[in-house]
Amino acid sequence: MPLTENDVLVALRDVYDPEIPVNIVDLGLIYRVSVVPDPDAPGMIPKHRVEVDMSMTSPGCPLHGMIMDNVRNRLACIQEVGEAQVNLVWEPTWGPERISEAARKQLGIG
């Protein structure tokens, strides 16, 4: 079965902003996920190129490098991912309205 955007989002729920006890997907930091077949990747298992656009809760986030590395590392653990690119974007600006309903309840702001 081919890798899907939802598969990537499920995997990225393992990545957290260390300052907020919510995963980056429910926090609304993932803006876009692209998954396309990678016919040039070696191996018996079909591989995909994955590209993720993400933001941070603030432009001055001192942990952005660590969070992005955690995203790259998590994507590297997915057997069907041959190549992954993580892009830091600032438009649109992140705001608390991007937080999922479940995360709002978890944070007590529901």
C-alpha atoms as a PDB file:
ATOM      1  CA  MET A   1       0.000   0.000   0.000  1.00  0.00           C
ATOM      2  CA  PRO A   2       1.469   3.398  -0.913  1.00  0.00           C
ATOM      3  CA  LEU A   3       2.517   5.885   1.749  1.00  0.00           C
ATOM      4  CA  THR A   4      -0.075   8.622   2.304  1.00  0.00           C
ATOM      5  CA  GLU A   5      -0.135  12.119   3.756  1.00  0.00           C
ATOM      6  CA  ASN A   6      -2.106  10.716   6.680  1.00  0.00           C
ATOM      7  CA  ASP A   7       0.621   8.115   7.348  1.00  0.00           C
ATOM      8  CA  VAL A   8       3.154  10.943   7.585  1.00  0.00           C
ATOM      9  CA  LEU A   9       0.916  12.981   9.900  1.00  0.00           C
ATOM     10  CA  VAL A  10       0.411   9.963  12.174  1.00  0.00           C
ATOM     11  CA  ALA A  11       4.196   9.513  12.391  1.00  0.00           C
ATOM     12  CA  LEU A  12       4.760  13.208  13.087  1.00  0.00           C
ATOM     13  CA  ARG A  13       2.444  12.998  16.084  1.00  0.00           C
ATOM     14  CA  ASP A  14       5.485  11.457  17.818  1.00  0.00           C
ATOM     15  CA  VAL A  15       7.306  14.818  17.581  1.00  0.00           C
ATOM     16  CA  TYR A  16       6.734  17.409  20.295  1.00  0.00           C
ATOM     17  CA  ASP A  17       7.621  21.025  20.868  1.00  0.00           C
ATOM     18  CA  PRO A  18       9.692  20.640  24.069  1.00  0.00           C
ATOM     19  CA  GLU A  19       8.136  23.787  25.542  1.00  0.00           C
ATOM     20  CA  ILE A  20       4.517  22.669  24.995  1.00  0.00           C
ATOM     21  CA  PRO A  21       3.222  19.189  25.897  1.00  0.00           C
ATOM     22  CA  VAL A  22       1.430  18.762  22.551  1.00  0.00           C
ATOM     23  CA  ASN A  23       2.630  17.071  19.368  1.00  0.00           C
ATOM     24  CA  ILE A  24       3.470  19.332  16.430  1.00  0.00           C
ATOM     25  CA  VAL A  25       0.556  18.083  14.309  1.00  0.00           C
ATOM     26  CA  ASP A  26      -2.106  18.903  16.918  1.00  0.00           C
ATOM     27  CA  LEU A  27      -0.272  22.124  17.715  1.00  0.00           C
ATOM     28  CA  GLY A  28      -0.891  23.134  14.087  1.00  0.00           C
ATOM     29  CA  LEU A  29       2.758  23.504  13.109  1.00  0.00           C
ATOM     30  CA  ILE A  30       2.486  21.254  10.043  1.00  0.00           C
ATOM     31  CA  TYR A  31       1.238  23.323   7.121  1.00  0.00           C
ATOM     32  CA  ARG A  32       1.713  20.949   4.194  1.00  0.00           C
ATOM     33  CA  VAL A  33       2.753  17.365   3.491  1.00  0.00           C
ATOM     34  CA  SER A  34       3.594  16.134  -0.003  1.00  0.00           C
ATOM     35  CA  VAL A  35       4.148  12.447  -0.736  1.00  0.00           C
ATOM     36  CA  VAL A  36       5.225  11.374  -4.219  1.00  0.00           C
ATOM     37  CA  PRO A  37       6.626   8.058  -5.484  1.00  0.00           C
ATOM     38  CA  ASP A  38      10.396   7.864  -5.821  1.00  0.00           C
ATOM     39  CA  PRO A  39      10.985   5.375  -8.652  1.00  0.00           C
ATOM     40  CA  ASP A  40      14.761   5.953  -8.494  1.00  0.00           C
ATOM     41  CA  ALA A  41      15.124   4.824  -4.862  1.00  0.00           C
ATOM     42  CA  PRO A  42      16.852   1.452  -4.442  1.00  0.00           C
ATOM     43  CA  GLY A  43      15.315  -1.519  -2.678  1.00  0.00           C
ATOM     44  CA  MET A  44      12.391  -3.874  -2.921  1.00  0.00           C
ATOM     45  CA  ILE A  45       9.962  -1.686  -0.956  1.00  0.00           C
ATOM     46  CA  PRO A  46       8.495   1.203  -2.983  1.00  0.00           C
ATOM     47  CA  LYS A  47       9.938   4.460  -1.680  1.00  0.00           C
ATOM     48  CA  HIS A  48       8.517   7.981  -1.597  1.00  0.00           C
ATOM     49  CA  ARG A  49       9.797  11.513  -1.490  1.00  0.00           C
ATOM     50  CA  VAL A  50       8.226  13.408   1.370  1.00  0.00           C
ATOM     51  CA  GLU A  51       8.224  17.164   1.738  1.00  0.00           C
ATOM     52  CA  VAL A  52       6.900  18.891   4.847  1.00  0.00           C
ATOM     53  CA  ASP A  53       6.264  22.607   5.310  1.00  0.00           C
ATOM     54  CA  MET A  54       6.125  23.553   8.957  1.00  0.00           C
ATOM     55  CA  SER A  55       6.239  26.613  11.150  1.00  0.00           C
ATOM     56  CA  MET A  56       7.009  27.420  14.767  1.00  0.00           C
ATOM     57  CA  THR A  57       4.862  29.075  17.397  1.00  0.00           C
ATOM     58  CA  SER A  58       7.117  32.147  17.176  1.00  0.00           C
ATOM     59  CA  PRO A  59       9.866  33.323  14.815  1.00  0.00           C
ATOM     60  CA  GLY A  60      12.280  33.540  17.745  1.00  0.00           C
ATOM     61  CA  CYS A  61      11.818  29.909  18.793  1.00  0.00           C
ATOM     62  CA  PRO A  62      15.279  28.874  20.026  1.00  0.00           C
ATOM     63  CA  LEU A  63      14.473  25.182  19.534  1.00  0.00           C
ATOM     64  CA  HIS A  64      13.446  25.319  15.858  1.00  0.00           C
ATOM     65  CA  GLY A  65      16.577  23.456  14.718  1.00  0.00           C
ATOM     66  CA  MET A  66      16.025  20.648  17.207  1.00  0.00           C
ATOM     67  CA  ILE A  67      12.338  20.310  16.316  1.00  0.00           C
ATOM     68  CA  MET A  68      13.125  20.192  12.593  1.00  0.00           C
ATOM     69  CA  ASP A  69      15.832  17.568  13.227  1.00  0.00           C
ATOM     70  CA  ASN A  70      13.278  15.532  15.175  1.00  0.00           C
ATOM     71  CA  VAL A  71      10.901  15.733  12.191  1.00  0.00           C
ATOM     72  CA  ARG A  72      13.657  14.596   9.803  1.00  0.00           C
ATOM     73  CA  ASN A  73      14.621  11.749  12.140  1.00  0.00           C
ATOM     74  CA  ARG A  74      11.021  10.607  12.500  1.00  0.00           C
ATOM     75  CA  LEU A  75      10.531  10.614   8.729  1.00  0.00           C
ATOM     76  CA  ALA A  76      13.768   8.639   8.300  1.00  0.00           C
ATOM     77  CA  CYS A  77      12.244   5.897  10.477  1.00  0.00           C
ATOM     78  CA  ILE A  78       9.425   5.317   7.985  1.00  0.00           C
ATOM     79  CA  GLN A  79      10.473   2.407   5.797  1.00  0.00           C
ATOM     80  CA  GLU A  80       8.694   3.770   2.720  1.00  0.00           C
ATOM     81  CA  VAL A  81      10.450   7.156   2.847  1.00  0.00           C
ATOM     82  CA  GLY A  82      13.418   7.357   0.516  1.00  0.00           C
ATOM     83  CA  GLU A  83      14.007  11.095   0.744  1.00  0.00           C
ATOM     84  CA  ALA A  84      12.607  13.742   3.082  1.00  0.00           C
ATOM     85  CA  GLN A  85      12.755  17.512   2.979  1.00  0.00           C
ATOM     86  CA  VAL A  86      11.582  19.736   5.826  1.00  0.00           C
ATOM     87  CA  ASN A  87      10.954  23.413   5.081  1.00  0.00           C
ATOM     88  CA  LEU A  88      10.529  26.090   7.730  1.00  0.00           C
ATOM     89  CA  VAL A  89       7.880  28.592   6.616  1.00  0.00           C
ATOM     90  CA  TRP A  90       6.509  31.701   8.282  1.00  0.00           C
ATOM     91  CA  GLU A  91       3.474  32.385   6.079  1.00  0.00           C
ATOM     92  CA  PRO A  92       0.792  32.141   7.110  1.00  0.00           C
ATOM     93  CA  THR A  93       1.830  33.147  10.599  1.00  0.00           C
ATOM     94  CA  TRP A  94       1.063  30.480  13.184  1.00  0.00           C
ATOM     95  CA  GLY A  95      -1.668  31.355  15.670  1.00  0.00           C
ATOM     96  CA  PRO A  96      -3.424  29.487  18.479  1.00  0.00           C
ATOM     97  CA  GLU A  97      -6.468  28.995  16.235  1.00  0.00           C
ATOM     98  CA  ARG A  98      -4.423  26.276  14.465  1.00  0.00           C
ATOM     99  CA  ILE A  99      -4.397  24.092  17.608  1.00  0.00           C
ATOM    100  CA  SER A 100      -6.647  21.023  17.292  1.00  0.00           C
ATOM    101  CA  GLU A 101      -9.676  20.607  19.526  1.00  0.00           C
ATOM    102  CA  ALA A 102      -8.066  17.633  21.297  1.00  0.00           C
ATOM    103  CA  ALA A 103      -4.932  19.665  22.023  1.00  0.00           C
ATOM    104  CA  ARG A 104      -7.029  22.580  23.285  1.00  0.00           C
ATOM    105  CA  LYS A 105      -8.629  20.253  25.823  1.00  0.00           C
ATOM    106  CA  GLN A 106      -5.221  18.835  26.753  1.00  0.00           C
ATOM    107  CA  LEU A 107      -3.884  22.351  27.349  1.00  0.00           C
ATOM    108  CA  GLY A 108      -7.008  23.433  29.219  1.00  0.00           C
ATOM    109  CA  ILE A 109      -7.911  26.129  26.699  1.00  0.00           C
ATOM    110  CA  GLY A 110     -10.813  24.207  25.159  1.00  0.00           C
END
